[in-house]
C-alpha atoms as a PDB file:
ATOM      1  CA  MET A   1     178.881  15.665 -12.203  1.00  0.00           C
ATOM      2  CA  SER A   2     180.053  17.127  -8.893  1.00  0.00           C
ATOM      3  CA  GLN A   3     180.093  20.893  -8.337  1.00  0.00           C
ATOM      4  CA  VAL A   4     183.895  20.890  -8.301  1.00  0.00           C
ATOM      5  CA  ALA A   5     183.976  19.083 -11.647  1.00  0.00           C
ATOM      6  CA  GLN A   6     181.383  21.532 -13.036  1.00  0.00           C
ATOM      7  CA  MET A   7     183.440  24.550 -11.993  1.00  0.00           C
ATOM      8  CA  VAL A   8     186.605  23.036 -13.437  1.00  0.00           C
ATOM      9  CA  HIS A   9     184.710  22.361 -16.677  1.00  0.00           C
ATOM     10  CA  ILE A  10     183.390  25.941 -16.824  1.00  0.00           C
ATOM     11  CA  THR A  11     186.837  27.446 -16.275  1.00  0.00           C
ATOM     12  CA  LYS A  12     188.324  25.068 -18.848  1.00  0.00           C
ATOM     13  CA  GLU A  13     185.733  26.081 -21.426  1.00  0.00           C
ATOM     14  CA  LEU A  14     186.511  29.768 -20.796  1.00  0.00           C
ATOM     15  CA  SER A  15     190.224  29.226 -21.395  1.00  0.00           C
ATOM     16  CA  GLY A  16     191.748  30.722 -24.476  1.00  0.00           C
ATOM     17  CA  ARG A  17     193.000  34.095 -25.614  1.00  0.00           C
ATOM     18  CA  TRP A  18     189.723  35.230 -27.201  1.00  0.00           C
ATOM     19  CA  THR A  19     186.894  33.268 -25.541  1.00  0.00           C
ATOM     20  CA  ILE A  20     186.182  35.674 -22.672  1.00  0.00           C
ATOM     21  CA  PRO A  21     186.650  38.863 -24.734  1.00  0.00           C
ATOM     22  CA  ILE A  22     184.265  37.568 -27.431  1.00  0.00           C
ATOM     23  CA  LEU A  23     181.627  36.498 -24.887  1.00  0.00           C
ATOM     24  CA  VAL A  24     181.765  39.841 -23.105  1.00  0.00           C
ATOM     25  CA  THR A  25     181.836  41.980 -26.270  1.00  0.00           C
ATOM     26  CA  LEU A  26     179.507  40.110 -28.646  1.00  0.00           C
ATOM     27  CA  GLU A  27     176.236  41.736 -27.576  1.00  0.00           C
ATOM     28  CA  LYS A  28     177.821  45.215 -27.369  1.00  0.00           C
ATOM     29  CA  SER A  29     178.805  44.911 -31.030  1.00  0.00           C
ATOM     30  CA  GLY A  30     175.268  43.955 -32.006  1.00  0.00           C
ATOM     31  CA  GLY A  31     176.545  40.494 -32.884  1.00  0.00           C
ATOM     32  CA  ARG A  32     178.048  41.811 -36.096  1.00  0.00           C
ATOM     33  CA  PHE A  33     181.401  40.491 -37.262  1.00  0.00           C
ATOM     34  CA  THR A  34     183.149  43.719 -38.323  1.00  0.00           C
ATOM     35  CA  PRO A  35     182.300  45.817 -35.233  1.00  0.00           C
ATOM     36  CA  LEU A  36     183.346  42.875 -33.059  1.00  0.00           C
ATOM     37  CA  LYS A  37     186.623  42.554 -34.980  1.00  0.00           C
ATOM     38  CA  ASN A  38     187.301  46.280 -34.647  1.00  0.00           C
ATOM     39  CA  THR A  39     186.457  46.405 -30.941  1.00  0.00           C
ATOM     40  CA  LEU A  40     188.685  43.448 -30.099  1.00  0.00           C
ATOM     41  CA  GLN A  41     191.460  44.428 -32.531  1.00  0.00           C
ATOM     42  CA  ILE A  42     191.602  40.833 -33.750  1.00  0.00           C
ATOM     43  CA  ALA A  43     192.526  39.459 -37.163  1.00  0.00           C
ATOM     44  CA  PRO A  44     189.463  38.443 -39.216  1.00  0.00           C
ATOM     45  CA  SER A  45     190.713  34.863 -39.646  1.00  0.00           C
ATOM     46  CA  ARG A  46     191.332  34.532 -35.892  1.00  0.00           C
ATOM     47  CA  LEU A  47     187.876  35.893 -35.057  1.00  0.00           C
ATOM     48  CA  SER A  48     186.266  33.621 -37.639  1.00  0.00           C
ATOM     49  CA  SER A  49     188.095  30.594 -36.242  1.00  0.00           C
ATOM     50  CA  ASN A  50     187.108  31.445 -32.667  1.00  0.00           C
ATOM     51  CA  LEU A  51     183.477  32.046 -33.601  1.00  0.00           C
ATOM     52  CA  LYS A  52     183.397  28.705 -35.410  1.00  0.00           C
ATOM     53  CA  THR A  53     184.799  26.930 -32.332  1.00  0.00           C
ATOM     54  CA  MET A  54     182.364  28.749 -30.055  1.00  0.00           C
ATOM     55  CA  THR A  55     179.480  27.829 -32.370  1.00  0.00           C
ATOM     56  CA  GLU A  56     180.516  24.165 -32.285  1.00  0.00           C
ATOM     57  CA  SER A  57     180.650  24.237 -28.483  1.00  0.00           C
ATOM     58  CA  GLY A  58     177.201  25.814 -28.287  1.00  0.00           C
ATOM     59  CA  LEU A  59     178.184  29.241 -26.937  1.00  0.00           C
ATOM     60  CA  VAL A  60     177.103  31.297 -29.948  1.00  0.00           C
ATOM     61  CA  GLN A  61     174.918  30.744 -32.964  1.00  0.00           C
ATOM     62  CA  GLN A  62     174.971  32.398 -36.332  1.00  0.00           C
ATOM     63  CA  ILE A  63     171.803  34.287 -37.160  1.00  0.00           C
ATOM     64  CA  SER A  64     170.091  33.217 -40.377  1.00  0.00           C
ATOM     65  CA  PRO A  65     170.330  35.585 -43.387  1.00  0.00           C
ATOM     66  CA  PHE A  66     166.601  36.363 -43.074  1.00  0.00           C
ATOM     67  CA  GLU A  67     166.950  37.603 -39.480  1.00  0.00           C
ATOM     68  CA  ARG A  68     170.098  39.724 -39.943  1.00  0.00           C
ATOM     69  CA  ASN A  69     170.215  43.487 -40.271  1.00  0.00           C
ATOM     70  CA  HIS A  70     172.126  43.002 -43.512  1.00  0.00           C
ATOM     71  CA  PRO A  71     171.604  39.647 -45.259  1.00  0.00           C
ATOM     72  CA  LEU A  72     175.179  39.421 -46.585  1.00  0.00           C
ATOM     73  CA  LEU A  73     177.027  40.225 -43.355  1.00  0.00           C
ATOM     74  CA  PRO A  74     177.386  37.528 -40.689  1.00  0.00           C
ATOM     75  CA  GLU A  75     175.815  38.132 -37.306  1.00  0.00           C
ATOM     76  CA  TYR A  76     175.997  36.070 -34.139  1.00  0.00           C
ATOM     77  CA  GLU A  77     174.137  35.855 -30.865  1.00  0.00           C
ATOM     78  CA  LEU A  78     174.781  34.152 -27.555  1.00  0.00           C
ATOM     79  CA  THR A  79     172.915  30.931 -26.906  1.00  0.00           C
ATOM     80  CA  GLU A  80     171.455  30.165 -23.481  1.00  0.00           C
ATOM     81  CA  LYS A  81     174.702  28.380 -22.638  1.00  0.00           C
ATOM     82  CA  GLY A  82     176.614  31.392 -23.989  1.00  0.00           C
ATOM     83  CA  ARG A  83     174.710  33.790 -21.714  1.00  0.00           C
ATOM     84  CA  PHE A  84     175.497  31.561 -18.734  1.00  0.00           C
ATOM     85  CA  MET A  85     179.166  31.403 -19.748  1.00  0.00           C
ATOM     86  CA  LYS A  86     179.212  35.183 -20.187  1.00  0.00           C
ATOM     87  CA  GLU A  87     178.204  35.519 -16.525  1.00  0.00           C
ATOM     88  CA  ALA A  88     181.010  33.130 -15.563  1.00  0.00           C
ATOM     89  CA  ALA A  89     183.406  35.077 -17.824  1.00  0.00           C
ATOM     90  CA  LEU A  90     182.534  38.322 -16.037  1.00  0.00           C
ATOM     91  CA  ILE A  91     183.289  36.646 -12.686  1.00  0.00           C
ATOM     92  CA  ILE A  92     186.656  35.402 -13.970  1.00  0.00           C
ATOM     93  CA  SER A  93     187.511  38.794 -15.504  1.00  0.00           C
ATOM     94  CA  HIS A  94     186.699  40.622 -12.275  1.00  0.00           C
ATOM     95  CA  SER A  95     188.798  38.211 -10.227  1.00  0.00           C
ATOM     96  CA  GLU A  96     191.749  38.532 -12.630  1.00  0.00           C
ATOM     97  CA  SER A  97     191.725  42.290 -12.122  1.00  0.00           C
ATOM     98  CA  GLN A  98     191.755  41.707  -8.351  1.00  0.00           C
ATOM     99  CA  LEU A  99     194.709  39.334  -8.619  1.00  0.00           C
ATOM    100  CA  GLY A 100     196.572  41.853 -10.764  1.00  0.00           C
ATOM    101  CA  VAL A 101     198.678  39.315 -12.654  1.00  0.00           C
ATOM    102  CA  GLY A 102     197.254  39.731 -16.135  1.00  0.00           C
ATOM    103  CA  PHE A 103     194.917  37.654 -18.271  1.00  0.00           C
ATOM    104  CA  LEU A 104     195.210  34.167 -16.730  1.00  0.00           C
ATOM    105  CA  ALA A 105     192.375  32.728 -18.811  1.00  0.00           C
ATOM    106  CA  ALA A 106     194.398  33.355 -21.981  1.00  0.00           C
ATOM    107  CA  LYS A 107     196.331  30.168 -21.255  1.00  0.00           C
ATOM    108  CA  ALA A 108     194.566  26.833 -21.090  1.00  0.00           C
ATOM    109  CA  TRP A 109     194.446  25.139 -17.690  1.00  0.00           C
ATOM    110  CA  ASN A 110     195.367  28.143 -15.480  1.00  0.00           C
ATOM    111  CA  TRP A 111     191.882  28.543 -14.004  1.00  0.00           C
ATOM    112  CA  PRO A 112     191.083  24.823 -13.779  1.00  0.00           C
ATOM    113  CA  VAL A 113     194.341  24.326 -11.827  1.00  0.00           C
ATOM    114  CA  LEU A 114     193.495  27.212  -9.487  1.00  0.00           C
ATOM    115  CA  MET A 115     189.999  25.799  -8.909  1.00  0.00           C
ATOM    116  CA  ALA A 116     191.460  22.353  -8.189  1.00  0.00           C
ATOM    117  CA  LEU A 117     193.841  23.853  -5.629  1.00  0.00           C
ATOM    118  CA  TYR A 118     191.016  25.801  -4.030  1.00  0.00           C
ATOM    119  CA  HIS A 119     189.088  22.563  -3.600  1.00  0.00           C
ATOM    120  CA  SER A 120     191.996  20.883  -1.788  1.00  0.00           C
ATOM    121  CA  TYR A 121     193.547  18.935  -4.629  1.00  0.00           C
ATOM    122  CA  HIS A 122     197.131  19.547  -3.531  1.00  0.00           C
ATOM    123  CA  GLU A 123     199.113  16.740  -5.141  1.00  0.00           C
ATOM    124  CA  PHE A 124     200.088  16.594  -8.801  1.00  0.00           C
ATOM    125  CA  ASN A 125     198.346  13.285  -9.513  1.00  0.00           C
ATOM    126  CA  SER A 126     195.115  14.254  -7.773  1.00  0.00           C
ATOM    127  CA  ILE A 127     194.979  17.497  -9.776  1.00  0.00           C
ATOM    128  CA  ARG A 128     195.683  15.564 -12.960  1.00  0.00           C
ATOM    129  CA  GLN A 129     192.883  13.072 -12.208  1.00  0.00           C
ATOM    130  CA  LEU A 130     190.423  15.906 -11.591  1.00  0.00           C
ATOM    131  CA  LEU A 131     191.400  17.713 -14.803  1.00  0.00           C
ATOM    132  CA  GLN A 132     191.322  14.428 -16.786  1.00  0.00           C
ATOM    133  CA  THR A 133     192.576  15.649 -20.166  1.00  0.00           C
ATOM    134  CA  ALA A 134     195.510  17.787 -19.006  1.00  0.00           C
ATOM    135  CA  THR A 135     198.808  16.187 -19.949  1.00  0.00           C
ATOM    136  CA  PRO A 136     201.500  15.857 -17.267  1.00  0.00           C
ATOM    137  CA  ARG A 137     203.673  18.311 -19.180  1.00  0.00           C
ATOM    138  CA  ILE A 138     201.045  21.060 -19.435  1.00  0.00           C
ATOM    139  CA  LEU A 139     200.011  20.575 -15.814  1.00  0.00           C
ATOM    140  CA  SER A 140     203.621  20.808 -14.670  1.00  0.00           C
ATOM    141  CA  THR A 141     204.131  23.923 -16.800  1.00  0.00           C
ATOM    142  CA  ARG A 142     201.016  25.649 -15.453  1.00  0.00           C
ATOM    143  CA  LEU A 143     201.853  24.816 -11.826  1.00  0.00           C
ATOM    144  CA  SER A 144     205.366  26.215 -12.329  1.00  0.00           C
ATOM    145  CA  GLU A 145     204.044  29.389 -13.978  1.00  0.00           C
ATOM    146  CA  LEU A 146     201.464  29.936 -11.248  1.00  0.00           C
ATOM    147  CA  HIS A 147     204.178  29.416  -8.637  1.00  0.00           C
ATOM    148  CA  GLU A 148     206.512  31.864 -10.400  1.00  0.00           C
ATOM    149  CA  GLY A 149     203.605  34.337 -10.621  1.00  0.00           C
ATOM    150  CA  SER A 150     203.245  34.174  -6.824  1.00  0.00           C
ATOM    151  CA  LEU A 151     199.753  32.704  -6.948  1.00  0.00           C
ATOM    152  CA  VAL A 152     200.627  29.188  -5.794  1.00  0.00           C
ATOM    153  CA  ASP A 153     202.939  27.895  -3.094  1.00  0.00           C
ATOM    154  CA  LYS A 154     205.075  24.847  -3.887  1.00  0.00           C
ATOM    155  CA  ILE A 155     206.162  22.830  -0.862  1.00  0.00           C
ATOM    156  CA  LEU A 156     208.587  19.924  -0.821  1.00  0.00           C
ATOM    157  CA  MET A 157     207.382  17.095   1.409  1.00  0.00           C
ATOM    158  CA  VAL A 158     210.104  14.585   2.299  1.00  0.00           C
ATOM    159  CA  ASP A 159     208.291  12.038   4.404  1.00  0.00           C
ATOM    160  CA  PRO A 160     207.606   9.198   3.496  1.00  0.00           C
ATOM    161  CA  THR A 161     208.893   9.888  -0.022  1.00  0.00           C
ATOM    162  CA  PRO A 162     209.936  13.225  -1.524  1.00  0.00           C
ATOM    163  CA  LYS A 163     207.192  15.002  -3.465  1.00  0.00           C
ATOM    164  CA  TYR A 164     205.845  18.473  -4.031  1.00  0.00           C
ATOM    165  CA  THR A 165     202.466  19.660  -2.865  1.00  0.00           C
ATOM    166  CA  TYR A 166     200.781  22.807  -4.085  1.00  0.00           C
ATOM    167  CA  SER A 167     198.405  25.266  -2.467  1.00  0.00           C
ATOM    168  CA  LEU A 168     197.015  28.714  -3.045  1.00  0.00           C
ATOM    169  CA  ASN A 169     198.956  31.379  -1.238  1.00  0.00           C
ATOM    170  CA  ALA A 170     197.378  33.781   1.249  1.00  0.00           C
ATOM    171  CA  ARG A 171     196.989  36.513  -1.395  1.00  0.00           C
ATOM    172  CA  THR A 172     195.230  34.242  -3.915  1.00  0.00           C
ATOM    173  CA  GLU A 173     192.888  32.293  -1.661  1.00  0.00           C
ATOM    174  CA  PRO A 174     190.343  35.090  -0.894  1.00  0.00           C
ATOM    175  CA  THR A 175     189.901  35.802  -4.601  1.00  0.00           C
ATOM    176  CA  LEU A 176     189.365  32.110  -5.385  1.00  0.00           C
ATOM    177  CA  GLU A 177     186.898  31.891  -2.512  1.00  0.00           C
ATOM    178  CA  MET A 178     184.922  34.749  -4.108  1.00  0.00           C
ATOM    179  CA  VAL A 179     185.101  33.094  -7.557  1.00  0.00           C
ATOM    180  CA  ASN A 180     183.918  29.788  -6.107  1.00  0.00           C
ATOM    181  CA  ARG A 181     181.025  31.451  -4.265  1.00  0.00           C
ATOM    182  CA  GLU A 182     179.910  33.442  -7.318  1.00  0.00           C
ATOM    183  CA  LEU A 183     180.184  30.477  -9.705  1.00  0.00           C
ATOM    184  CA  LEU A 184     178.124  28.389  -7.284  1.00  0.00           C
ATOM    185  CA  GLY A 185     175.595  31.222  -7.257  1.00  0.00           C
ATOM    186  CA  ILE A 186     175.034  30.986 -11.021  1.00  0.00           C
ATOM    187  CA  LEU A 187     175.066  27.166 -11.255  1.00  0.00           C
END
C-alpha cells in the first residue's frame, strides 16, 4: 500500500463523531465506561456502540473480568493499533484547531478528501478512485461542503470539455502539509 493510500486509510478510520474523542479520552478515564461516558457527555448506548465498532476494528479491547478494577464494570484499553491511531488523532485534532472550521473528522470522508487533494488528486474521478469506497454522491457532497467552508477551491475548466477541478486553498495547504509530514513521521 502506498503512503498516500495509508494516510487516506488512517484518516478514513478516524472519521466519525466519537472515534477521535474516545481515542484521546480513553486512557484518561482509566478505560472505565462510566467515567468515559461522563467525560464525553455521550449516551450510554452510543458509547457502547462506538466501543463495539472500535473493538471490531482493533482499536480497543475489553479487559477481562479478572483484570478489571471492578469485575462487573466494563473496562477498555487501547491496542497497539489504537495507540498508533491515538497519535494520528492528536495530529488531526491539532490541525482542526489550526483550521478553525470545527470538527471536520465528525463527518466521514472530509479528511480523506483533504489528503487526496494535498497529494494532487484534483479531479473528481481520480479522488473517487483513490478513496475506493466513497460513493459519487458522498464525494460530491463533501467537496461542496469543503468548498463552502473555504477550505477547497473549485475551478471550472472548459477546455477540452467542461469539468471542475479541486485544490486546497492557500489557507488550508500549510496545515495539510504539516498533517502529512507528521503522519509520515509516525508511519
